[in-house]
C-alpha atoms as a PDB file:
ATOM      1  CA  ILE A   1     -32.029  23.746 -60.582  1.00  0.00           C
ATOM      2  CA  THR A   2     -30.950  27.282 -59.851  1.00  0.00           C
ATOM      3  CA  VAL A   3     -28.350  27.574 -57.144  1.00  0.00           C
ATOM      4  CA  TRP A   4     -27.445  31.260 -56.615  1.00  0.00           C
ATOM      5  CA  VAL A   5     -23.557  32.276 -55.717  1.00  0.00           C
ATOM      6  CA  ASP A   6     -23.175  35.595 -54.458  1.00  0.00           C
ATOM      7  CA  GLY A   7     -26.093  36.806 -55.733  1.00  0.00           C
ATOM      8  CA  GLU A   8     -25.456  34.840 -59.696  1.00  0.00           C
ATOM      9  CA  PRO A   9     -27.523  32.334 -60.589  1.00  0.00           C
ATOM     10  CA  PHE A  10     -26.439  29.281 -62.038  1.00  0.00           C
ATOM     11  CA  SER A  11     -28.137  26.131 -63.821  1.00  0.00           C
ATOM     12  CA  PHE A  12     -28.096  23.122 -63.611  1.00  0.00           C
ATOM     13  CA  ASN A  13     -30.076  19.175 -65.158  1.00  0.00           C
ATOM     14  CA  LEU A  14     -31.369  17.299 -62.175  1.00  0.00           C
ATOM     15  CA  GLU A  15     -31.626  14.080 -63.933  1.00  0.00           C
ATOM     16  CA  LEU A  16     -33.167  11.237 -61.861  1.00  0.00           C
ATOM     17  CA  VAL A  17     -33.645   7.738 -62.229  1.00  0.00           C
ATOM     18  CA  VAL A  18     -36.861   6.077 -60.148  1.00  0.00           C
ATOM     19  CA  ASP A  19     -37.599   2.681 -59.459  1.00  0.00           C
ATOM     20  CA  THR A  20     -41.092   2.480 -60.557  1.00  0.00           C
ATOM     21  CA  CYS A  21     -43.107   0.078 -57.735  1.00  0.00           C
ATOM     22  CA  SER A  22     -41.396   2.080 -54.604  1.00  0.00           C
ATOM     23  CA  ALA A  23     -40.514   6.147 -55.650  1.00  0.00           C
ATOM     24  CA  ALA A  24     -37.116   5.891 -54.407  1.00  0.00           C
ATOM     25  CA  ALA A  25     -34.662   7.408 -56.428  1.00  0.00           C
ATOM     26  CA  THR A  26     -32.155   5.000 -57.317  1.00  0.00           C
ATOM     27  CA  GLY A  27     -29.937   7.733 -59.723  1.00  0.00           C
ATOM     28  CA  VAL A  28     -28.851  11.127 -60.314  1.00  0.00           C
ATOM     29  CA  SER A  29     -27.156  13.413 -62.695  1.00  0.00           C
ATOM     30  CA  PHE A  30     -25.957  17.443 -61.852  1.00  0.00           C
ATOM     31  CA  ARG A  31     -24.878  18.876 -65.209  1.00  0.00           C
ATOM     32  CA  ASP A  32     -24.985  21.982 -67.566  1.00  0.00           C
ATOM     33  CA  GLU A  33     -27.665  20.634 -69.608  1.00  0.00           C
ATOM     34  CA  GLU A  34     -30.198  17.398 -70.700  1.00  0.00           C
ATOM     35  CA  ASP A  35     -28.483  15.729 -72.921  1.00  0.00           C
ATOM     36  CA  SER A  36     -27.483  11.666 -73.306  1.00  0.00           C
ATOM     37  CA  ALA A  37     -24.587  12.008 -71.142  1.00  0.00           C
ATOM     38  CA  ALA A  38     -26.604  13.057 -68.285  1.00  0.00           C
ATOM     39  CA  LEU A  39     -29.329  10.055 -68.724  1.00  0.00           C
ATOM     40  CA  ILE A  40     -25.941   7.628 -69.016  1.00  0.00           C
ATOM     41  CA  GLU A  41     -24.843   9.451 -65.506  1.00  0.00           C
ATOM     42  CA  ALA A  42     -27.819   8.945 -64.052  1.00  0.00           C
ATOM     43  CA  PHE A  43     -28.438   5.327 -65.105  1.00  0.00           C
ATOM     44  CA  ALA A  44     -24.988   4.165 -63.651  1.00  0.00           C
ATOM     45  CA  ASP A  45     -25.630   6.105 -60.155  1.00  0.00           C
ATOM     46  CA  GLY A  46     -28.360   3.609 -60.426  1.00  0.00           C
ATOM     47  CA  VAL A  47     -26.778   0.547 -61.122  1.00  0.00           C
ATOM     48  CA  ASP A  48     -23.915   1.213 -58.437  1.00  0.00           C
ATOM     49  CA  ALA A  49     -26.463   2.853 -55.881  1.00  0.00           C
ATOM     50  CA  THR A  50     -28.844  -0.484 -56.294  1.00  0.00           C
ATOM     51  CA  GLY A  51     -26.137  -3.355 -57.430  1.00  0.00           C
ATOM     52  CA  ASN A  52     -28.191  -4.354 -60.474  1.00  0.00           C
ATOM     53  CA  PRO A  53     -29.064  -2.626 -63.710  1.00  0.00           C
ATOM     54  CA  PRO A  54     -33.292  -2.221 -63.944  1.00  0.00           C
ATOM     55  CA  LEU A  55     -34.420  -5.391 -66.467  1.00  0.00           C
ATOM     56  CA  ALA A  56     -36.209  -1.821 -68.733  1.00  0.00           C
ATOM     57  CA  LEU A  57     -36.062   2.033 -68.253  1.00  0.00           C
ATOM     58  CA  LEU A  58     -38.723   3.993 -68.917  1.00  0.00           C
ATOM     59  CA  LEU A  59     -37.681   7.512 -70.904  1.00  0.00           C
ATOM     60  CA  ASP A  60     -39.416  10.308 -72.384  1.00  0.00           C
ATOM     61  CA  ASN A  61     -39.266  11.219 -76.129  1.00  0.00           C
ATOM     62  CA  ARG A  62     -36.271  13.467 -76.302  1.00  0.00           C
ATOM     63  CA  PHE A  63     -33.910  12.648 -78.449  1.00  0.00           C
ATOM     64  CA  SER A  64     -30.836  12.878 -76.542  1.00  0.00           C
ATOM     65  CA  ASN A  65     -32.581   9.777 -74.823  1.00  0.00           C
ATOM     66  CA  HIS A  66     -32.516   8.343 -77.929  1.00  0.00           C
ATOM     67  CA  THR A  67     -28.690   7.982 -79.212  1.00  0.00           C
ATOM     68  CA  GLN A  68     -26.828   5.465 -80.256  1.00  0.00           C
ATOM     69  CA  GLU A  69     -24.530   6.230 -76.738  1.00  0.00           C
ATOM     70  CA  VAL A  70     -27.554   5.871 -75.153  1.00  0.00           C
ATOM     71  CA  GLU A  71     -28.107   2.574 -76.505  1.00  0.00           C
ATOM     72  CA  VAL A  72     -24.704   0.969 -75.437  1.00  0.00           C
ATOM     73  CA  ALA A  73     -24.655   2.130 -72.331  1.00  0.00           C
ATOM     74  CA  LEU A  74     -27.843   0.470 -71.450  1.00  0.00           C
ATOM     75  CA  GLY A  75     -26.843  -2.504 -72.595  1.00  0.00           C
ATOM     76  CA  ASP A  76     -29.781  -5.441 -71.703  1.00  0.00           C
ATOM     77  CA  THR A  77     -32.066  -3.049 -70.034  1.00  0.00           C
ATOM     78  CA  LEU A  78     -35.144  -2.634 -71.877  1.00  0.00           C
ATOM     79  CA  LYS A  79     -35.612   1.010 -73.578  1.00  0.00           C
ATOM     80  CA  ILE A  80     -39.485   1.992 -73.444  1.00  0.00           C
ATOM     81  CA  ARG A  81     -40.409   4.963 -74.478  1.00  0.00           C
ATOM     82  CA  ALA A  82     -42.959   7.416 -72.711  1.00  0.00           C
ATOM     83  CA  THR A  83     -46.721   7.430 -74.312  1.00  0.00           C
ATOM     84  CA  LEU A  84     -47.244  10.657 -75.850  1.00  0.00           C
ATOM     85  CA  GLY A  85     -49.493  12.942 -74.652  1.00  0.00           C
ATOM     86  CA  ARG A  86     -49.451  11.353 -71.121  1.00  0.00           C
ATOM     87  CA  PRO A  87     -47.623  12.608 -68.901  1.00  0.00           C
ATOM     88  CA  GLN A  88     -48.965   9.895 -65.455  1.00  0.00           C
ATOM     89  CA  THR A  89     -46.782   7.508 -67.799  1.00  0.00           C
ATOM     90  CA  LYS A  90     -43.668   9.433 -65.663  1.00  0.00           C
ATOM     91  CA  GLY A  91     -46.249  10.284 -62.343  1.00  0.00           C
ATOM     92  CA  HIS A  92     -42.468   8.696 -60.302  1.00  0.00           C
ATOM     93  CA  VAL A  93     -40.719  10.669 -61.681  1.00  0.00           C
ATOM     94  CA  GLU A  94     -42.514  13.699 -62.141  1.00  0.00           C
ATOM     95  CA  GLY A  95     -43.474  13.175 -58.393  1.00  0.00           C
ATOM     96  CA  SER A  96     -40.114  13.063 -57.416  1.00  0.00           C
ATOM     97  CA  PHE A  97     -39.640  16.192 -58.687  1.00  0.00           C
ATOM     98  CA  GLY A  98     -42.153  17.685 -57.299  1.00  0.00           C
ATOM     99  CA  LEU A  99     -41.435  16.651 -53.683  1.00  0.00           C
ATOM    100  CA  PHE A 100     -37.875  17.825 -53.779  1.00  0.00           C
ATOM    101  CA  SER A 101     -39.234  21.558 -54.901  1.00  0.00           C
ATOM    102  CA  GLN A 102     -41.247  21.030 -51.554  1.00  0.00           C
ATOM    103  CA  THR A 103     -38.929  19.910 -49.278  1.00  0.00           C
ATOM    104  CA  ALA A 104     -35.208  22.117 -51.021  1.00  0.00           C
ATOM    105  CA  PRO A 105     -35.010  25.184 -49.006  1.00  0.00           C
ATOM    106  CA  HIS A 106     -33.513  28.288 -51.483  1.00  0.00           C
ATOM    107  CA  LEU A 107     -30.103  27.864 -52.719  1.00  0.00           C
ATOM    108  CA  ALA A 108     -28.127  30.615 -52.348  1.00  0.00           C
ATOM    109  CA  VAL A 109     -24.442  30.508 -50.540  1.00  0.00           C
ATOM    110  CA  ASP A 110     -22.219  33.823 -50.179  1.00  0.00           C
ATOM    111  CA  THR A 111     -18.447  33.020 -50.422  1.00  0.00           C
ATOM    112  CA  THR A 112     -17.567  36.294 -48.554  1.00  0.00           C
ATOM    113  CA  ASP A 113     -16.290  34.278 -45.261  1.00  0.00           C
ATOM    114  CA  PRO A 114     -14.932  29.904 -45.349  1.00  0.00           C
ATOM    115  CA  ARG A 115     -16.523  30.136 -42.091  1.00  0.00           C
ATOM    116  CA  GLU A 116     -19.655  31.477 -43.421  1.00  0.00           C
ATOM    117  CA  ILE A 117     -19.870  29.423 -46.385  1.00  0.00           C
ATOM    118  CA  ALA A 118     -19.769  25.983 -44.553  1.00  0.00           C
ATOM    119  CA  ARG A 119     -22.567  27.126 -42.465  1.00  0.00           C
ATOM    120  CA  GLN A 120     -24.624  27.780 -45.119  1.00  0.00           C
ATOM    121  CA  VAL A 121     -23.762  23.781 -46.539  1.00  0.00           C
ATOM    122  CA  LEU A 122     -24.956  22.441 -43.246  1.00  0.00           C
ATOM    123  CA  ALA A 123     -28.324  24.569 -42.828  1.00  0.00           C
ATOM    124  CA  LEU A 124     -29.041  23.433 -46.589  1.00  0.00           C
ATOM    125  CA  VAL A 125     -28.220  19.707 -45.781  1.00  0.00           C
ATOM    126  CA  VAL A 126     -30.128  20.363 -42.313  1.00  0.00           C
ATOM    127  CA  LEU A 127     -33.397  22.194 -43.488  1.00  0.00           C
ATOM    128  CA  THR A 128     -33.808  19.677 -46.447  1.00  0.00           C
ATOM    129  CA  TRP A 129     -33.066  16.489 -44.491  1.00  0.00           C
ATOM    130  CA  ALA A 130     -36.081  18.329 -41.809  1.00  0.00           C
ATOM    131  CA  ARG A 131     -38.328  19.245 -44.230  1.00  0.00           C
ATOM    132  CA  THR A 132     -37.962  15.510 -45.874  1.00  0.00           C
ATOM    133  CA  LEU A 133     -38.225  14.134 -42.555  1.00  0.00           C
ATOM    134  CA  ASN A 134     -41.782  15.882 -42.209  1.00  0.00           C
ATOM    135  CA  HIS A 135     -43.265  14.762 -44.589  1.00  0.00           C
ATOM    136  CA  ARG A 136     -42.625  11.412 -44.288  1.00  0.00           C
ATOM    137  CA  PRO A 137     -45.095   9.207 -43.344  1.00  0.00           C
ATOM    138  CA  ARG A 138     -44.965   7.994 -40.245  1.00  0.00           C
ATOM    139  CA  LEU A 139     -46.281   3.403 -39.821  1.00  0.00           C
ATOM    140  CA  ASN A 140     -47.088   4.432 -35.958  1.00  0.00           C
ATOM    141  CA  ARG A 141     -49.083   7.256 -36.631  1.00  0.00           C
ATOM    142  CA  HIS A 142     -51.560   5.754 -38.961  1.00  0.00           C
ATOM    143  CA  GLY A 143     -49.723   6.814 -42.453  1.00  0.00           C
ATOM    144  CA  SER A 144     -49.630  10.708 -41.198  1.00  0.00           C
ATOM    145  CA  SER A 145     -47.054  12.737 -41.187  1.00  0.00           C
ATOM    146  CA  ARG A 146     -45.066  14.854 -38.545  1.00  0.00           C
ATOM    147  CA  VAL A 147     -46.585  18.165 -40.731  1.00  0.00           C
ATOM    148  CA  GLN A 148     -50.065  16.220 -40.972  1.00  0.00           C
ATOM    149  CA  GLN A 149     -50.504  15.675 -36.833  1.00  0.00           C
ATOM    150  CA  TYR A 150     -49.173  18.439 -36.096  1.00  0.00           C
ATOM    151  CA  LEU A 151     -50.862  20.372 -38.255  1.00  0.00           C
ATOM    152  CA  ASP A 152     -54.528  18.354 -37.577  1.00  0.00           C
ATOM    153  CA  GLU A 153     -54.413  18.630 -34.382  1.00  0.00           C
ATOM    154  CA  LYS A 154     -57.136  20.944 -33.193  1.00  0.00           C
ATOM    155  CA  PRO A 155     -57.257  21.109 -29.343  1.00  0.00           C
ATOM    156  CA  THR A 156     -59.803  22.476 -26.775  1.00  0.00           C
ATOM    157  CA  PRO A 157     -59.445  25.643 -24.875  1.00  0.00           C
ATOM    158  CA  GLU A 158     -60.320  23.167 -21.745  1.00  0.00           C
ATOM    159  CA  GLN A 159     -57.547  20.815 -22.987  1.00  0.00           C
ATOM    160  CA  VAL A 160     -54.706  23.556 -23.653  1.00  0.00           C
ATOM    161  CA  GLU A 161     -55.515  24.922 -20.254  1.00  0.00           C
ATOM    162  CA  GLN A 162     -55.487  20.950 -19.007  1.00  0.00           C
ATOM    163  CA  ALA A 163     -51.888  20.828 -20.041  1.00  0.00           C
ATOM    164  CA  ARG A 164     -50.770  24.275 -19.050  1.00  0.00           C
ATOM    165  CA  GLN A 165     -51.746  22.450 -14.933  1.00  0.00           C
ATOM    166  CA  ALA A 166     -49.971  19.415 -15.762  1.00  0.00           C
ATOM    167  CA  LEU A 167     -47.406  21.403 -16.963  1.00  0.00           C
ATOM    168  CA  GLN A 168     -46.664  23.789 -13.903  1.00  0.00           C
ATOM    169  CA  GLU A 169     -47.093  20.542 -11.559  1.00  0.00           C
ATOM    170  CA  ARG A 170     -44.580  19.221 -13.620  1.00  0.00           C
ATOM    171  CA  CYS A 171     -42.434  22.301 -13.122  1.00  0.00           C
ATOM    172  CA  ARG A 172     -43.110  22.718  -9.353  1.00  0.00           C
ATOM    173  CA  LYS A 173     -42.077  19.297  -8.834  1.00  0.00           C
ATOM    174  CA  GLN A 174     -38.848  18.704 -10.382  1.00  0.00           C
ATOM    175  CA  GLU A 175     -38.052  22.787  -8.785  1.00  0.00           C
ATOM    176  CA  LYS A 176     -38.527  21.247  -5.366  1.00  0.00           C
ATOM    177  CA  ALA A 177     -36.291  17.676  -6.263  1.00  0.00           C
ATOM    178  CA  HIS A 178     -34.064  20.588  -8.066  1.00  0.00           C
ATOM    179  CA  ARG A 179     -33.465  22.503  -4.318  1.00  0.00           C
ATOM    180  CA  THR A 180     -33.689  19.367  -2.175  1.00  0.00           C
ATOM    181  CA  ARG A 181     -30.440  17.865  -4.153  1.00  0.00           C
ATOM    182  CA  GLN A 182     -28.670  21.539  -3.573  1.00  0.00           C
ATOM    183  CA  ALA A 183     -29.179  21.682   0.354  1.00  0.00           C
ATOM    184  CA  ARG A 184     -27.992  17.950   0.217  1.00  0.00           C
ATOM    185  CA  LEU A 185     -24.379  19.096  -1.442  1.00  0.00           C
ATOM    186  CA  ASP A 186     -21.636  19.249   0.878  1.00  0.00           C
ATOM    187  CA  PRO A 187     -20.844  22.870   0.700  1.00  0.00           C
ATOM    188  CA  LEU A 188     -16.978  22.047   1.507  1.00  0.00           C
ATOM    189  CA  VAL A 189     -16.806  19.747  -1.901  1.00  0.00           C
ATOM    190  CA  ARG A 190     -18.900  22.606  -3.866  1.00  0.00           C
ATOM    191  CA  ALA A 191     -16.363  24.762  -3.313  1.00  0.00           C
ATOM    192  CA  ILE A 192     -13.602  22.340  -4.484  1.00  0.00           C
ATOM    193  CA  LEU A 193     -14.916  21.781  -7.371  1.00  0.00           C
ATOM    194  CA  ASP A 194     -15.942  25.649  -8.096  1.00  0.00           C
ATOM    195  CA  ARG A 195     -12.272  26.335  -7.726  1.00  0.00           C
ATOM    196  CA  ALA A 196     -10.691  23.293  -9.635  1.00  0.00           C
ATOM    197  CA  PHE A 197     -13.665  24.599 -12.428  1.00  0.00           C
ATOM    198  CA  GLU A 198     -12.198  27.764 -12.467  1.00  0.00           C
ATOM    199  CA  ARG A 199      -8.129  26.886 -12.231  1.00  0.00           C
ATOM    200  CA  LEU A 200      -8.761  24.551 -15.166  1.00  0.00           C
ATOM    201  CA  GLY A 201     -10.820  26.461 -17.365  1.00  0.00           C
ATOM    202  CA  LEU A 202     -14.060  24.116 -17.225  1.00  0.00           C
ATOM    203  CA  ASP A 203     -17.391  25.682 -18.427  1.00  0.00           C
ATOM    204  CA  ASP A 204     -20.059  25.048 -16.361  1.00  0.00           C
ATOM    205  CA  SER A 205     -22.537  27.671 -16.497  1.00  0.00           C
ATOM    206  CA  ASP A 206     -25.250  26.422 -15.296  1.00  0.00           C
ATOM    207  CA  GLY A 207     -23.718  24.091 -12.507  1.00  0.00           C
ATOM    208  CA  HIS A 208     -24.972  21.230 -13.548  1.00  0.00           C
ATOM    209  CA  VAL A 209     -22.005  19.414 -13.934  1.00  0.00           C
ATOM    210  CA  ARG A 210     -20.506  20.334 -10.603  1.00  0.00           C
ATOM    211  CA  ASP A 211     -23.993  18.765  -8.610  1.00  0.00           C
ATOM    212  CA  ALA A 212     -23.541  16.191 -10.044  1.00  0.00           C
ATOM    213  CA  ILE A 213     -20.207  15.233  -8.813  1.00  0.00           C
ATOM    214  CA  ALA A 214     -20.839  17.198  -5.537  1.00  0.00           C
ATOM    215  CA  ARG A 215     -22.904  13.840  -4.714  1.00  0.00           C
ATOM    216  CA  TYR A 216     -19.686  11.687  -4.066  1.00  0.00           C
ATOM    217  CA  PRO A 217     -17.571  11.743  -1.169  1.00  0.00           C
ATOM    218  CA  ILE A 218     -15.233  14.263  -0.421  1.00  0.00           C
ATOM    219  CA  ASP A 219     -12.568  11.361  -1.143  1.00  0.00           C
ATOM    220  CA  ALA A 220     -13.715  10.453  -4.302  1.00  0.00           C
ATOM    221  CA  VAL A 221     -14.101  13.932  -5.919  1.00  0.00           C
ATOM    222  CA  LEU A 222     -10.174  15.306  -5.081  1.00  0.00           C
ATOM    223  CA  ALA A 223      -9.027  11.688  -6.511  1.00  0.00           C
ATOM    224  CA  GLY A 224     -11.295  12.203  -9.301  1.00  0.00           C
ATOM    225  CA  ILE A 225      -9.550  15.900  -9.787  1.00  0.00           C
ATOM    226  CA  ALA A 226      -6.353  14.947  -8.992  1.00  0.00           C
ATOM    227  CA  ILE A 227      -6.802  12.061 -11.986  1.00  0.00           C
ATOM    228  CA  PHE A 228      -7.606  14.649 -14.580  1.00  0.00           C
ATOM    229  CA  GLU A 229      -5.219  16.743 -14.248  1.00  0.00           C
ATOM    230  CA  GLY A 230      -2.833  14.372 -14.531  1.00  0.00           C
ATOM    231  CA  LYS A 231      -4.510  13.263 -17.194  1.00  0.00           C
ATOM    232  CA  ARG A 232      -4.165  16.306 -18.717  1.00  0.00           C
ATOM    233  CA  ALA A 233      -0.824  17.029 -17.888  1.00  0.00           C
ATOM    234  CA  ALA A 234       0.210  13.571 -19.869  1.00  0.00           C
ATOM    235  CA  ARG A 235      -1.340  14.846 -22.606  1.00  0.00           C
ATOM    236  CA  THR A 236      -3.676  11.647 -22.570  1.00  0.00           C
ATOM    237  CA  LEU A 237      -7.144  13.666 -22.122  1.00  0.00           C
ATOM    238  CA  PRO A 238      -9.745  12.670 -25.253  1.00  0.00           C
ATOM    239  CA  PRO A 239      -9.458  15.730 -27.879  1.00  0.00           C
ATOM    240  CA  ASP A 240     -12.013  18.703 -26.925  1.00  0.00           C
ATOM    241  CA  VAL A 241     -12.878  17.254 -23.555  1.00  0.00           C
ATOM    242  CA  ASP A 242     -14.569  19.445 -21.051  1.00  0.00           C
ATOM    243  CA  GLY A 243     -16.195  19.384 -17.435  1.00  0.00           C
ATOM    244  CA  ARG A 244     -18.984  16.050 -18.173  1.00  0.00           C
ATOM    245  CA  TYR A 245     -15.297  14.487 -18.187  1.00  0.00           C
ATOM    246  CA  LEU A 246     -14.627  15.160 -14.482  1.00  0.00           C
ATOM    247  CA  PRO A 247     -17.910  12.511 -13.982  1.00  0.00           C
ATOM    248  CA  GLY A 248     -17.243   9.693 -15.294  1.00  0.00           C
ATOM    249  CA  ILE A 249     -13.933   9.428 -13.459  1.00  0.00           C
END
C-alpha cells in the first residue's frame, strides 16, 4: 500500500488475518516489508480482537511464513500450507485486499498546514467509511447494496414528472405553513429576541431559532433570556453553546 506525503511515495506491507467463514478481517499489521514479524503481529492483533486464537491458520508458501519464530508465536494454532497453484485457496484473503482497493481513496497528505493535515485525515476516514457503507449488502433490500439500489433504479420520464409534481406540492404546503406560523408570531416578542440575539452574539442567520422561541408568551421569553444571561455571567453554560440552547430554557 502506497501513501503519498508531500508528493513523496512511502510503501508499506499490509498483512491481513481473515476469518474463512465470515470473511471478517480480524488482524492487521503495517510494516515496511512482508516478513515473519508482520505475520506474527497480524496474528496477535487477531487474537486480541476476537479474544481467542484460531484453530488453524492458512498460510501461503512464502519462506517468512514458516520460520521458527512463527511456529512459536502460533502456539497450538495449526499451520496449514496453501495449495500451490490454486489461488482460490486463499480467496477470503485476496477478496479482502480487493475490497480495500475498491473502497480506499487515494492516500495522499499535504503537511504544509496542521489544520489541513487534520482535514485530509478526516476526509480519508470519511471517504473510506462512506464507500464501505455504500457497497455493503442490506438485508432489508434483499441483499442489494446502496450503490446497486441507486444504479438499478431506472424511473420512466412519467415517474420522474410525478415525483416532481409531488415534491412541488409538498414544498407549497410547507411554505404555506411557514407563512402561517410567521403571521402568528408576536412582533414585540420577535423584536425582543432580535435585540437579545444581537446583544449576546448568537448566530441565527435563517431566523429559525427565534421563530421557535417567539411562539412562547412574552414573560417566558424574557425569563429565558435572563436565565441565559445569568448562566453566561456565572460561566455555567455548556461549552460552545449557541442560540439553540435558548428554546430548551
